[in-house]
N, C-alpha and C. Protein backbone atom coordinates (compact mmCIF):
# COMPACT_ATOMS: atom_id res chain seq x y z
N UNK A 1 -12.24 11.73 67.13
CA UNK A 1 -12.98 12.18 65.97
C UNK A 1 -12.80 13.69 65.77
N UNK A 2 -12.77 14.42 66.85
CA UNK A 2 -12.62 15.87 66.76
C UNK A 2 -11.25 16.25 66.19
N UNK A 3 -10.22 15.50 66.55
CA UNK A 3 -8.88 15.78 66.03
C UNK A 3 -8.81 15.53 64.53
N UNK A 4 -9.58 14.57 64.04
CA UNK A 4 -9.61 14.31 62.59
C UNK A 4 -10.23 15.48 61.85
N UNK A 5 -11.23 16.11 62.43
CA UNK A 5 -11.86 17.27 61.80
C UNK A 5 -10.86 18.42 61.70
N UNK A 6 -10.09 18.63 62.77
CA UNK A 6 -9.12 19.71 62.77
C UNK A 6 -8.03 19.47 61.73
N UNK A 7 -7.60 18.23 61.58
CA UNK A 7 -6.57 17.91 60.60
C UNK A 7 -7.08 18.07 59.17
N UNK A 8 -8.35 17.77 58.96
CA UNK A 8 -8.89 17.83 57.60
C UNK A 8 -9.23 19.25 57.17
N UNK A 9 -9.40 20.17 58.13
CA UNK A 9 -9.71 21.55 57.79
C UNK A 9 -8.45 22.25 57.30
N UNK A 10 -8.58 22.93 56.18
CA UNK A 10 -7.46 23.68 55.64
C UNK A 10 -7.52 25.11 56.14
N UNK A 11 -6.35 25.67 56.41
CA UNK A 11 -6.29 27.06 56.82
C UNK A 11 -6.30 27.94 55.58
N UNK A 12 -7.06 28.99 55.65
CA UNK A 12 -7.12 29.94 54.55
C UNK A 12 -6.42 31.22 55.01
N UNK A 13 -5.34 31.55 54.34
CA UNK A 13 -4.61 32.77 54.66
C UNK A 13 -5.02 33.85 53.68
N UNK A 14 -5.45 34.96 54.20
CA UNK A 14 -5.87 36.06 53.34
C UNK A 14 -4.79 37.13 53.39
N UNK A 15 -4.18 37.35 52.25
CA UNK A 15 -3.12 38.34 52.17
C UNK A 15 -3.11 38.95 50.78
N UNK A 16 -2.38 40.04 50.66
CA UNK A 16 -2.16 40.66 49.36
C UNK A 16 -0.66 40.64 49.10
N UNK A 17 -0.29 40.52 47.85
CA UNK A 17 1.11 40.60 47.46
C UNK A 17 1.35 41.93 46.78
N UNK A 18 2.43 42.59 47.17
CA UNK A 18 2.79 43.87 46.58
C UNK A 18 4.13 43.69 45.89
N UNK A 19 4.13 43.93 44.59
CA UNK A 19 5.34 43.82 43.78
C UNK A 19 5.96 45.20 43.66
N UNK A 20 7.15 45.37 44.23
CA UNK A 20 7.85 46.65 44.19
C UNK A 20 8.64 46.72 42.88
N UNK A 21 8.26 47.64 42.00
CA UNK A 21 8.94 47.76 40.71
C UNK A 21 10.34 48.33 40.85
N UNK A 22 10.59 49.12 41.90
CA UNK A 22 11.91 49.71 42.10
C UNK A 22 12.95 48.66 42.48
N UNK A 23 12.59 47.78 43.42
CA UNK A 23 13.55 46.79 43.91
C UNK A 23 13.35 45.41 43.32
N UNK A 24 12.16 45.14 42.79
CA UNK A 24 11.85 43.82 42.25
C UNK A 24 11.38 42.84 43.31
N UNK A 25 11.28 43.27 44.56
CA UNK A 25 10.84 42.39 45.64
C UNK A 25 9.33 42.29 45.69
N UNK A 26 8.85 41.13 46.13
CA UNK A 26 7.42 40.93 46.37
C UNK A 26 7.23 40.78 47.86
N UNK A 27 6.34 41.57 48.43
CA UNK A 27 6.08 41.52 49.87
C UNK A 27 4.62 41.14 50.09
N UNK A 28 4.37 40.39 51.15
CA UNK A 28 3.02 39.99 51.50
C UNK A 28 2.56 40.76 52.73
N UNK A 29 1.31 41.21 52.66
CA UNK A 29 0.69 41.93 53.75
C UNK A 29 -0.69 41.33 54.02
N UNK A 30 -1.16 41.49 55.24
CA UNK A 30 -2.51 41.08 55.59
C UNK A 30 -3.50 41.82 54.69
N UNK A 31 -4.61 41.19 54.39
CA UNK A 31 -5.59 41.84 53.52
C UNK A 31 -6.19 43.09 54.16
N UNK A 32 -6.06 43.24 55.47
CA UNK A 32 -6.59 44.43 56.15
C UNK A 32 -5.59 45.58 56.21
N UNK A 33 -4.40 45.40 55.66
CA UNK A 33 -3.36 46.42 55.70
C UNK A 33 -3.73 47.61 54.81
N UNK A 34 -3.58 48.80 55.34
CA UNK A 34 -3.83 50.01 54.56
C UNK A 34 -2.68 50.22 53.57
N UNK A 35 -2.99 50.73 52.39
CA UNK A 35 -1.98 50.92 51.34
C UNK A 35 -0.88 51.86 51.78
N UNK A 36 -1.22 52.92 52.48
CA UNK A 36 -0.21 53.88 52.94
C UNK A 36 0.79 53.26 53.89
N UNK A 37 0.32 52.39 54.78
CA UNK A 37 1.20 51.71 55.71
C UNK A 37 2.13 50.74 54.97
N UNK A 38 1.58 49.98 54.02
CA UNK A 38 2.39 49.06 53.23
C UNK A 38 3.48 49.82 52.47
N UNK A 39 3.13 50.97 51.93
CA UNK A 39 4.09 51.78 51.19
C UNK A 39 5.21 52.28 52.10
N UNK A 40 4.87 52.67 53.31
CA UNK A 40 5.89 53.10 54.28
C UNK A 40 6.86 51.96 54.59
N UNK A 41 6.34 50.77 54.81
CA UNK A 41 7.19 49.62 55.12
C UNK A 41 8.10 49.29 53.95
N UNK A 42 7.56 49.29 52.75
CA UNK A 42 8.36 48.98 51.56
C UNK A 42 9.47 50.01 51.39
N UNK A 43 9.13 51.29 51.49
CA UNK A 43 10.12 52.35 51.30
C UNK A 43 11.19 52.33 52.38
N UNK A 44 10.82 51.96 53.59
CA UNK A 44 11.78 51.89 54.69
C UNK A 44 12.85 50.83 54.45
N UNK A 45 12.48 49.75 53.76
CA UNK A 45 13.40 48.63 53.55
C UNK A 45 14.18 48.71 52.24
N UNK A 46 13.96 49.76 51.44
CA UNK A 46 14.69 49.91 50.19
C UNK A 46 16.13 50.32 50.47
N UNK A 47 17.03 49.85 49.64
CA UNK A 47 18.44 50.20 49.80
C UNK A 47 18.76 51.58 49.24
N UNK A 48 20.00 51.98 49.39
CA UNK A 48 20.45 53.26 48.86
C UNK A 48 20.42 53.24 47.34
N UNK A 49 20.05 54.35 46.74
CA UNK A 49 20.04 54.47 45.29
C UNK A 49 18.79 53.94 44.62
N UNK A 50 17.85 53.40 45.40
CA UNK A 50 16.60 52.88 44.83
C UNK A 50 15.52 53.95 45.01
N UNK A 51 14.81 54.22 43.94
CA UNK A 51 13.76 55.24 43.96
C UNK A 51 12.60 54.75 44.84
N UNK A 52 12.20 55.54 45.84
CA UNK A 52 11.09 55.11 46.70
C UNK A 52 9.76 55.10 45.95
N UNK A 53 8.88 54.21 46.37
CA UNK A 53 7.56 54.13 45.76
C UNK A 53 6.69 55.29 46.18
N UNK A 54 5.74 55.66 45.32
CA UNK A 54 4.85 56.77 45.65
C UNK A 54 3.39 56.35 45.64
N UNK A 55 3.09 55.14 45.14
CA UNK A 55 1.70 54.68 45.13
C UNK A 55 1.67 53.16 45.01
N UNK A 56 0.51 52.58 45.32
CA UNK A 56 0.28 51.16 45.13
C UNK A 56 -0.86 51.00 44.16
N UNK A 57 -0.66 50.20 43.16
CA UNK A 57 -1.67 49.96 42.13
C UNK A 57 -2.35 48.63 42.41
N UNK A 58 -3.67 48.62 42.43
CA UNK A 58 -4.42 47.40 42.70
C UNK A 58 -4.68 46.62 41.41
N UNK A 59 -4.45 45.31 41.50
CA UNK A 59 -4.71 44.42 40.36
C UNK A 59 -5.43 43.19 40.90
N UNK A 60 -6.53 42.81 40.29
CA UNK A 60 -7.27 41.63 40.72
C UNK A 60 -7.05 40.53 39.70
N UNK A 61 -6.69 39.35 40.21
CA UNK A 61 -6.47 38.20 39.31
C UNK A 61 -7.71 37.38 39.17
């Protein structure tokens, strides 16, 4: 009976999606991620010739 409860429970993943306008990529981060850290990760993975991001804009759906 206990295993049935575990199977019926859905996992809720809490994350934010960041859409990089420079590269067009969408990246997912934990909801607890600081904006500055997310920006560093995004800028680190940008290719040559792509303008690095300077801010993250929050949008609620």
